[in-house]
Amino acid sequence: MANHKATRKDVRQSEKRRDRNRYYGKTTRNAIRDLRALTDAGQATGKLTDVASMIDKLAKRGVIHKNKAANLKSKLSKKVNSLSK
């Protein structure tokens, strides 16, 4: 364990950030799973915008890479578009 006061504070802050990032990541993964399970095109289209927004926020926060976010959104869009045909 660190001995400097500032380092102890940094450890506390990083633990809080880690927990917060894990929560946002898990919530987004659950939303993606639920979106992939949908079979109704109308519901899927409505949910896609919410999920895409969650993915963008993860990329903005640095939880996931921006290219991974783009790939996830692309795959989800293809899935939703295939439902409407």
PDB file of N, CA and C in Angstrom:
ATOM      1  N   MET A   1       0.849  -1.186   0.000  1.00  0.00           N
ATOM      2  CA  MET A   1       0.000   0.000   0.000  1.00  0.00           C
ATOM      3  C   MET A   1       0.888   1.241   0.000  1.00  0.00           C
ATOM      4  N   ALA A   2       0.418   2.276  -0.662  1.00  0.00           N
ATOM      5  CA  ALA A   2       1.194   3.504  -0.787  1.00  0.00           C
ATOM      6  C   ALA A   2       1.249   4.248   0.546  1.00  0.00           C
ATOM      7  N   ASN A   3       2.306   5.006   0.728  1.00  0.00           N
ATOM      8  CA  ASN A   3       2.489   5.744   1.965  1.00  0.00           C
ATOM      9  C   ASN A   3       2.201   7.227   1.834  1.00  0.00           C
ATOM     10  N   HIS A   4       2.291   7.776   0.635  1.00  0.00           N
ATOM     11  CA  HIS A   4       2.037   9.194   0.468  1.00  0.00           C
ATOM     12  C   HIS A   4       0.541   9.460   0.464  1.00  0.00           C
ATOM     13  N   LYS A   5       0.179  10.594   1.025  1.00  0.00           N
ATOM     14  CA  LYS A   5      -1.232  10.953   1.151  1.00  0.00           C
ATOM     15  C   LYS A   5      -1.893  11.070  -0.232  1.00  0.00           C
ATOM     16  N   ALA A   6      -1.211  11.709  -1.155  1.00  0.00           N
ATOM     17  CA  ALA A   6      -1.772  11.896  -2.496  1.00  0.00           C
ATOM     18  C   ALA A   6      -1.926  10.560  -3.219  1.00  0.00           C
ATOM     19  N   THR A   7      -0.992   9.641  -2.993  1.00  0.00           N
ATOM     20  CA  THR A   7      -1.075   8.341  -3.650  1.00  0.00           C
ATOM     21  C   THR A   7      -2.222   7.522  -3.081  1.00  0.00           C
ATOM     22  N   ARG A   8      -2.437   7.643  -1.773  1.00  0.00           N
ATOM     23  CA  ARG A   8      -3.587   6.944  -1.176  1.00  0.00           C
ATOM     24  C   ARG A   8      -4.888   7.466  -1.772  1.00  0.00           C
ATOM     25  N   LYS A   9      -4.965   8.772  -1.942  1.00  0.00           N
ATOM     26  CA  LYS A   9      -6.156   9.376  -2.538  1.00  0.00           C
ATOM     27  C   LYS A   9      -6.336   8.885  -3.978  1.00  0.00           C
ATOM     28  N   ASP A  10      -5.249   8.809  -4.712  1.00  0.00           N
ATOM     29  CA  ASP A  10      -5.305   8.343  -6.097  1.00  0.00           C
ATOM     30  C   ASP A  10      -5.810   6.906  -6.169  1.00  0.00           C
ATOM     31  N   VAL A  11      -5.398   6.077  -5.208  1.00  0.00           N
ATOM     32  CA  VAL A  11      -5.854   4.692  -5.167  1.00  0.00           C
ATOM     33  C   VAL A  11      -7.361   4.650  -4.914  1.00  0.00           C
ATOM     34  N   ARG A  12      -7.821   5.478  -3.979  1.00  0.00           N
ATOM     35  CA  ARG A  12      -9.262   5.532  -3.686  1.00  0.00           C
ATOM     36  C   ARG A  12     -10.046   5.971  -4.917  1.00  0.00           C
ATOM     37  N   GLN A  13      -9.555   6.993  -5.593  1.00  0.00           N
ATOM     38  CA  GLN A  13     -10.253   7.505  -6.771  1.00  0.00           C
ATOM     39  C   GLN A  13     -10.285   6.477  -7.896  1.00  0.00           C
ATOM     40  N   SER A  14      -9.174   5.794  -8.093  1.00  0.00           N
ATOM     41  CA  SER A  14      -9.136   4.814  -9.175  1.00  0.00           C
ATOM     42  C   SER A  14     -10.062   3.643  -8.887  1.00  0.00           C
ATOM     43  N   GLU A  15     -10.225   3.265  -7.631  1.00  0.00           N
ATOM     44  CA  GLU A  15     -11.181   2.201  -7.278  1.00  0.00           C
ATOM     45  C   GLU A  15     -12.600   2.631  -7.592  1.00  0.00           C
ATOM     46  N   LYS A  16     -12.924   3.886  -7.269  1.00  0.00           N
ATOM     47  CA  LYS A  16     -14.265   4.392  -7.569  1.00  0.00           C
ATOM     48  C   LYS A  16     -14.514   4.427  -9.071  1.00  0.00           C
ATOM     49  N   ARG A  17     -13.500   4.905  -9.823  1.00  0.00           N
ATOM     50  CA  ARG A  17     -13.650   4.958 -11.279  1.00  0.00           C
ATOM     51  C   ARG A  17     -13.796   3.567 -11.870  1.00  0.00           C
ATOM     52  N   ARG A  18     -13.026   2.619 -11.343  1.00  0.00           N
ATOM     53  CA  ARG A  18     -13.088   1.251 -11.844  1.00  0.00           C
ATOM     54  C   ARG A  18     -14.478   0.664 -11.619  1.00  0.00           C
ATOM     55  N   ASP A  19     -15.016   0.857 -10.421  1.00  0.00           N
ATOM     56  CA  ASP A  19     -16.359   0.346 -10.136  1.00  0.00           C
ATOM     57  C   ASP A  19     -17.401   0.986 -11.045  1.00  0.00           C
ATOM     58  N   ARG A  20     -17.275   2.294 -11.251  1.00  0.00           N
ATOM     59  CA  ARG A  20     -18.224   3.007 -12.098  1.00  0.00           C
ATOM     60  C   ARG A  20     -18.128   2.509 -13.537  1.00  0.00           C
ATOM     61  N   ASN A  21     -16.896   2.349 -14.034  1.00  0.00           N
ATOM     62  CA  ASN A  21     -16.707   1.880 -15.405  1.00  0.00           C
ATOM     63  C   ASN A  21     -17.222   0.455 -15.581  1.00  0.00           C
ATOM     64  N   ARG A  22     -17.007  -0.394 -14.576  1.00  0.00           N
ATOM     65  CA  ARG A  22     -17.519  -1.762 -14.655  1.00  0.00           C
ATOM     66  C   ARG A  22     -19.044  -1.771 -14.693  1.00  0.00           C
ATOM     67  N   TYR A  23     -19.666  -0.900 -13.919  1.00  0.00           N
ATOM     68  CA  TYR A  23     -21.128  -0.817 -13.905  1.00  0.00           C
ATOM     69  C   TYR A  23     -21.650  -0.395 -15.277  1.00  0.00           C
ATOM     70  N   TYR A  24     -21.079   0.673 -15.837  1.00  0.00           N
ATOM     71  CA  TYR A  24     -21.533   1.145 -17.146  1.00  0.00           C
ATOM     72  C   TYR A  24     -21.290   0.092 -18.225  1.00  0.00           C
ATOM     73  N   GLY A  25     -20.157  -0.574 -18.160  1.00  0.00           N
ATOM     74  CA  GLY A  25     -19.850  -1.602 -19.153  1.00  0.00           C
ATOM     75  C   GLY A  25     -20.803  -2.774 -19.074  1.00  0.00           C
ATOM     76  N   LYS A  26     -21.078  -3.233 -17.871  1.00  0.00           N
ATOM     77  CA  LYS A  26     -21.984  -4.372 -17.694  1.00  0.00           C
ATOM     78  C   LYS A  26     -23.405  -3.999 -18.112  1.00  0.00           C
ATOM     79  N   THR A  27     -23.845  -2.800 -17.756  1.00  0.00           N
ATOM     80  CA  THR A  27     -25.182  -2.351 -18.138  1.00  0.00           C
ATOM     81  C   THR A  27     -25.318  -2.294 -19.655  1.00  0.00           C
ATOM     82  N   THR A  28     -24.292  -1.814 -20.314  1.00  0.00           N
ATOM     83  CA  THR A  28     -24.325  -1.728 -21.772  1.00  0.00           C
ATOM     84  C   THR A  28     -24.316  -3.118 -22.399  1.00  0.00           C
ATOM     85  N   ARG A  29     -23.494  -4.027 -21.864  1.00  0.00           N
ATOM     86  CA  ARG A  29     -23.477  -5.394 -22.399  1.00  0.00           C
ATOM     87  C   ARG A  29     -24.843  -6.064 -22.243  1.00  0.00           C
ATOM     88  N   ASN A  30     -25.523  -5.826 -21.123  1.00  0.00           N
ATOM     89  CA  ASN A  30     -26.861  -6.383 -20.931  1.00  0.00           C
ATOM     90  C   ASN A  30     -27.843  -5.795 -21.945  1.00  0.00           C
ATOM     91  N   ALA A  31     -27.737  -4.494 -22.206  1.00  0.00           N
ATOM     92  CA  ALA A  31     -28.620  -3.854 -23.182  1.00  0.00           C
ATOM     93  C   ALA A  31     -28.367  -4.410 -24.580  1.00  0.00           C
ATOM     94  N   ILE A  32     -27.109  -4.660 -24.912  1.00  0.00           N
ATOM     95  CA  ILE A  32     -26.776  -5.243 -26.217  1.00  0.00           C
ATOM     96  C   ILE A  32     -27.364  -6.650 -26.325  1.00  0.00           C
ATOM     97  N   ARG A  33     -27.229  -7.427 -25.268  1.00  0.00           N
ATOM     98  CA  ARG A  33     -27.779  -8.787 -25.252  1.00  0.00           C
ATOM     99  C   ARG A  33     -29.295  -8.753 -25.451  1.00  0.00           C
ATOM    100  N   ASP A  34     -29.979  -7.848 -24.760  1.00  0.00           N
ATOM    101  CA  ASP A  34     -31.426  -7.737 -24.892  1.00  0.00           C
ATOM    102  C   ASP A  34     -31.830  -7.307 -26.297  1.00  0.00           C
ATOM    103  N   LEU A  35     -31.052  -6.401 -26.893  1.00  0.00           N
ATOM    104  CA  LEU A  35     -31.348  -5.955 -28.255  1.00  0.00           C
ATOM    105  C   LEU A  35     -31.190  -7.092 -29.247  1.00  0.00           C
ATOM    106  N   ARG A  36     -30.142  -7.892 -29.083  1.00  0.00           N
ATOM    107  CA  ARG A  36     -29.936  -9.016 -30.006  1.00  0.00           C
ATOM    108  C   ARG A  36     -31.041 -10.062 -29.879  1.00  0.00           C
ATOM    109  N   ALA A  37     -31.674 -10.142 -28.709  1.00  0.00           N
ATOM    110  CA  ALA A  37     -32.717 -11.142 -28.494  1.00  0.00           C
ATOM    111  C   ALA A  37     -34.055 -10.727 -29.088  1.00  0.00           C
ATOM    112  N   LEU A  38     -34.219  -9.443 -29.402  1.00  0.00           N
ATOM    113  CA  LEU A  38     -35.496  -8.968 -29.927  1.00  0.00           C
ATOM    114  C   LEU A  38     -35.747  -9.512 -31.332  1.00  0.00           C
ATOM    115  N   THR A  39     -37.015  -9.791 -31.618  1.00  0.00           N
ATOM    116  CA  THR A  39     -37.389 -10.262 -32.944  1.00  0.00           C
ATOM    117  C   THR A  39     -38.326  -9.284 -33.653  1.00  0.00           C
ATOM    118  N   ASP A  40     -38.893  -8.328 -32.917  1.00  0.00           N
ATOM    119  CA  ASP A  40     -39.792  -7.339 -33.508  1.00  0.00           C
ATOM    120  C   ASP A  40     -38.977  -6.147 -34.017  1.00  0.00           C
ATOM    121  N   ALA A  41     -39.165  -5.808 -35.286  1.00  0.00           N
ATOM    122  CA  ALA A  41     -38.361  -4.752 -35.895  1.00  0.00           C
ATOM    123  C   ALA A  41     -38.631  -3.394 -35.268  1.00  0.00           C
ATOM    124  N   GLY A  42     -39.873  -3.120 -34.916  1.00  0.00           N
ATOM    125  CA  GLY A  42     -40.214  -1.821 -34.324  1.00  0.00           C
ATOM    126  C   GLY A  42     -39.543  -1.607 -32.980  1.00  0.00           C
ATOM    127  N   GLN A  43     -39.615  -2.610 -32.146  1.00  0.00           N
ATOM    128  CA  GLN A  43     -38.975  -2.506 -30.832  1.00  0.00           C
ATOM    129  C   GLN A  43     -37.464  -2.399 -30.975  1.00  0.00           C
ATOM    130  N   ALA A  44     -36.905  -3.188 -31.860  1.00  0.00           N
ATOM    131  CA  ALA A  44     -35.454  -3.204 -32.044  1.00  0.00           C
ATOM    132  C   ALA A  44     -34.959  -1.852 -32.532  1.00  0.00           C
ATOM    133  N   THR A  45     -35.695  -1.228 -33.443  1.00  0.00           N
ATOM    134  CA  THR A  45     -35.294   0.076 -33.962  1.00  0.00           C
ATOM    135  C   THR A  45     -35.294   1.120 -32.858  1.00  0.00           C
ATOM    136  N   GLY A  46     -36.319   1.075 -32.016  1.00  0.00           N
ATOM    137  CA  GLY A  46     -36.392   2.028 -30.911  1.00  0.00           C
ATOM    138  C   GLY A  46     -35.281   1.832 -29.902  1.00  0.00           C
ATOM    139  N   LYS A  47     -34.968   0.578 -29.633  1.00  0.00           N
ATOM    140  CA  LYS A  47     -33.932   0.284 -28.633  1.00  0.00           C
ATOM    141  C   LYS A  47     -32.530   0.528 -29.177  1.00  0.00           C
ATOM    142  N   LEU A  48     -32.371   0.443 -30.495  1.00  0.00           N
ATOM    143  CA  LEU A  48     -31.051   0.616 -31.097  1.00  0.00           C
ATOM    144  C   LEU A  48     -30.468   1.996 -30.788  1.00  0.00           C
ATOM    145  N   THR A  49     -31.283   3.032 -30.834  1.00  0.00           N
ATOM    146  CA  THR A  49     -30.776   4.379 -30.563  1.00  0.00           C
ATOM    147  C   THR A  49     -30.272   4.495 -29.128  1.00  0.00           C
ATOM    148  N   ASP A  50     -30.991   3.891 -28.181  1.00  0.00           N
ATOM    149  CA  ASP A  50     -30.566   3.937 -26.780  1.00  0.00           C
ATOM    150  C   ASP A  50     -29.246   3.186 -26.586  1.00  0.00           C
ATOM    151  N   VAL A  51     -29.152   2.011 -27.188  1.00  0.00           N
ATOM    152  CA  VAL A  51     -27.950   1.190 -27.035  1.00  0.00           C
ATOM    153  C   VAL A  51     -26.749   1.866 -27.715  1.00  0.00           C
ATOM    154  N   ALA A  52     -26.976   2.451 -28.878  1.00  0.00           N
ATOM    155  CA  ALA A  52     -25.887   3.144 -29.572  1.00  0.00           C
ATOM    156  C   ALA A  52     -25.382   4.316 -28.736  1.00  0.00           C
ATOM    157  N   SER A  53     -26.285   4.989 -28.065  1.00  0.00           N
ATOM    158  CA  SER A  53     -25.893   6.089 -27.194  1.00  0.00           C
ATOM    159  C   SER A  53     -25.055   5.588 -26.020  1.00  0.00           C
ATOM    160  N   MET A  54     -25.447   4.453 -25.448  1.00  0.00           N
ATOM    161  CA  MET A  54     -24.683   3.874 -24.343  1.00  0.00           C
ATOM    162  C   MET A  54     -23.277   3.484 -24.807  1.00  0.00           C
ATOM    163  N   ILE A  55     -23.189   2.914 -26.003  1.00  0.00           N
ATOM    164  CA  ILE A  55     -21.891   2.500 -26.539  1.00  0.00           C
ATOM    165  C   ILE A  55     -21.005   3.726 -26.771  1.00  0.00           C
ATOM    166  N   ASP A  56     -21.595   4.802 -27.322  1.00  0.00           N
ATOM    167  CA  ASP A  56     -20.827   6.024 -27.552  1.00  0.00           C
ATOM    168  C   ASP A  56     -20.293   6.603 -26.247  1.00  0.00           C
ATOM    169  N   LYS A  57     -21.095   6.538 -25.205  1.00  0.00           N
ATOM    170  CA  LYS A  57     -20.653   7.061 -23.903  1.00  0.00           C
ATOM    171  C   LYS A  57     -19.491   6.240 -23.351  1.00  0.00           C
ATOM    172  N   LEU A  58     -19.534   4.922 -23.549  1.00  0.00           N
ATOM    173  CA  LEU A  58     -18.414   4.091 -23.101  1.00  0.00           C
ATOM    174  C   LEU A  58     -17.133   4.476 -23.831  1.00  0.00           C
ATOM    175  N   ALA A  59     -17.245   4.722 -25.125  1.00  0.00           N
ATOM    176  CA  ALA A  59     -16.066   5.098 -25.899  1.00  0.00           C
ATOM    177  C   ALA A  59     -15.556   6.468 -25.468  1.00  0.00           C
ATOM    178  N   LYS A  60     -16.479   7.381 -25.193  1.00  0.00           N
ATOM    179  CA  LYS A  60     -16.090   8.725 -24.765  1.00  0.00           C
ATOM    180  C   LYS A  60     -15.361   8.685 -23.425  1.00  0.00           C
ATOM    181  N   ARG A  61     -15.817   7.820 -22.536  1.00  0.00           N
ATOM    182  CA  ARG A  61     -15.198   7.703 -21.217  1.00  0.00           C
ATOM    183  C   ARG A  61     -13.899   6.914 -21.249  1.00  0.00           C
ATOM    184  N   GLY A  62     -13.644   6.232 -22.365  1.00  0.00           N
ATOM    185  CA  GLY A  62     -12.418   5.459 -22.469  1.00  0.00           C
ATOM    186  C   GLY A  62     -12.542   4.054 -21.931  1.00  0.00           C
ATOM    187  N   VAL A  63     -13.765   3.588 -21.687  1.00  0.00           N
ATOM    188  CA  VAL A  63     -13.964   2.231 -21.194  1.00  0.00           C
ATOM    189  C   VAL A  63     -13.702   1.238 -22.314  1.00  0.00           C
ATOM    190  N   ILE A  64     -14.144   1.584 -23.530  1.00  0.00           N
ATOM    191  CA  ILE A  64     -13.849   0.768 -24.702  1.00  0.00           C
ATOM    192  C   ILE A  64     -13.228   1.676 -25.765  1.00  0.00           C
ATOM    193  N   HIS A  65     -12.544   1.070 -26.716  1.00  0.00           N
ATOM    194  CA  HIS A  65     -11.905   1.825 -27.795  1.00  0.00           C
ATOM    195  C   HIS A  65     -12.962   2.317 -28.775  1.00  0.00           C
ATOM    196  N   LYS A  66     -12.691   3.439 -29.426  1.00  0.00           N
ATOM    197  CA  LYS A  66     -13.681   4.018 -30.341  1.00  0.00           C
ATOM    198  C   LYS A  66     -13.942   3.105 -31.532  1.00  0.00           C
ATOM    199  N   ASN A  67     -12.937   2.350 -31.973  1.00  0.00           N
ATOM    200  CA  ASN A  67     -13.160   1.433 -33.098  1.00  0.00           C
ATOM    201  C   ASN A  67     -14.044   0.266 -32.673  1.00  0.00           C
ATOM    202  N   LYS A  68     -13.876  -0.205 -31.450  1.00  0.00           N
ATOM    203  CA  LYS A  68     -14.745  -1.265 -30.954  1.00  0.00           C
ATOM    204  C   LYS A  68     -16.182  -0.771 -30.875  1.00  0.00           C
ATOM    205  N   ALA A  69     -16.354   0.474 -30.449  1.00  0.00           N
ATOM    206  CA  ALA A  69     -17.695   1.056 -30.386  1.00  0.00           C
ATOM    207  C   ALA A  69     -18.315   1.104 -31.778  1.00  0.00           C
ATOM    208  N   ALA A  70     -17.533   1.505 -32.758  1.00  0.00           N
ATOM    209  CA  ALA A  70     -18.034   1.582 -34.132  1.00  0.00           C
ATOM    210  C   ALA A  70     -18.401   0.193 -34.646  1.00  0.00           C
ATOM    211  N   ASN A  71     -17.565  -0.799 -34.338  1.00  0.00           N
ATOM    212  CA  ASN A  71     -17.856  -2.160 -34.785  1.00  0.00           C
ATOM    213  C   ASN A  71     -19.124  -2.700 -34.134  1.00  0.00           C
ATOM    214  N   LEU A  72     -19.297  -2.452 -32.840  1.00  0.00           N
ATOM    215  CA  LEU A  72     -20.506  -2.913 -32.143  1.00  0.00           C
ATOM    216  C   LEU A  72     -21.750  -2.283 -32.756  1.00  0.00           C
ATOM    217  N   LYS A  73     -21.704  -0.969 -32.966  1.00  0.00           N
ATOM    218  CA  LYS A  73     -22.866  -0.278 -33.526  1.00  0.00           C
ATOM    219  C   LYS A  73     -23.177  -0.777 -34.930  1.00  0.00           C
ATOM    220  N   SER A  74     -22.136  -1.049 -35.709  1.00  0.00           N
ATOM    221  CA  SER A  74     -22.336  -1.533 -37.067  1.00  0.00           C
ATOM    222  C   SER A  74     -23.023  -2.896 -37.070  1.00  0.00           C
ATOM    223  N   LYS A  75     -22.531  -3.800 -36.216  1.00  0.00           N
ATOM    224  CA  LYS A  75     -23.123  -5.135 -36.155  1.00  0.00           C
ATOM    225  C   LYS A  75     -24.564  -5.090 -35.672  1.00  0.00           C
ATOM    226  N   LEU A  76     -24.829  -4.232 -34.687  1.00  0.00           N
ATOM    227  CA  LEU A  76     -26.196  -4.127 -34.186  1.00  0.00           C
ATOM    228  C   LEU A  76     -27.126  -3.532 -35.237  1.00  0.00           C
ATOM    229  N   SER A  77     -26.629  -2.562 -35.995  1.00  0.00           N
ATOM    230  CA  SER A  77     -27.439  -1.966 -37.056  1.00  0.00           C
ATOM    231  C   SER A  77     -27.779  -2.994 -38.130  1.00  0.00           C
ATOM    232  N   LYS A  78     -26.789  -3.810 -38.506  1.00  0.00           N
ATOM    233  CA  LYS A  78     -27.054  -4.865 -39.489  1.00  0.00           C
ATOM    234  C   LYS A  78     -28.096  -5.836 -38.978  1.00  0.00           C
ATOM    235  N   LYS A  79     -28.011  -6.182 -37.702  1.00  0.00           N
ATOM    236  CA  LYS A  79     -28.977  -7.106 -37.102  1.00  0.00           C
ATOM    237  C   LYS A  79     -30.389  -6.528 -37.145  1.00  0.00           C
ATOM    238  N   VAL A  80     -30.522  -5.259 -36.754  1.00  0.00           N
ATOM    239  CA  VAL A  80     -31.840  -4.624 -36.729  1.00  0.00           C
ATOM    240  C   VAL A  80     -32.387  -4.463 -38.143  1.00  0.00           C
ATOM    241  N   ASN A  81     -31.515  -4.109 -39.089  1.00  0.00           N
ATOM    242  CA  ASN A  81     -31.965  -3.950 -40.474  1.00  0.00           C
ATOM    243  C   ASN A  81     -32.411  -5.287 -41.068  1.00  0.00           C
ATOM    244  N   SER A  82     -31.789  -6.392 -40.664  1.00  0.00           N
ATOM    245  CA  SER A  82     -32.195  -7.690 -41.184  1.00  0.00           C
ATOM    246  C   SER A  82     -33.563  -8.098 -40.641  1.00  0.00           C
ATOM    247  N   LEU A  83     -33.933  -7.582 -39.475  1.00  0.00           N
ATOM    248  CA  LEU A  83     -35.252  -7.899 -38.922  1.00  0.00           C
ATOM    249  C   LEU A  83     -36.358  -7.244 -39.723  1.00  0.00           C
ATOM    250  N   SER A  84     -36.095  -6.051 -40.231  1.00  0.00           N
ATOM    251  CA  SER A  84     -37.149  -5.308 -40.920  1.00  0.00           C
ATOM    252  C   SER A  84     -37.430  -5.828 -42.314  1.00  0.00           C
ATOM    253  N   LYS A  85     -36.576  -6.730 -42.837  1.00  0.00           N
ATOM    254  CA  LYS A  85     -36.799  -7.242 -44.200  1.00  0.00           C
ATOM    255  C   LYS A  85     -37.711  -8.446 -44.204  1.00  0.00           C
TER     256      LYS A  85
END
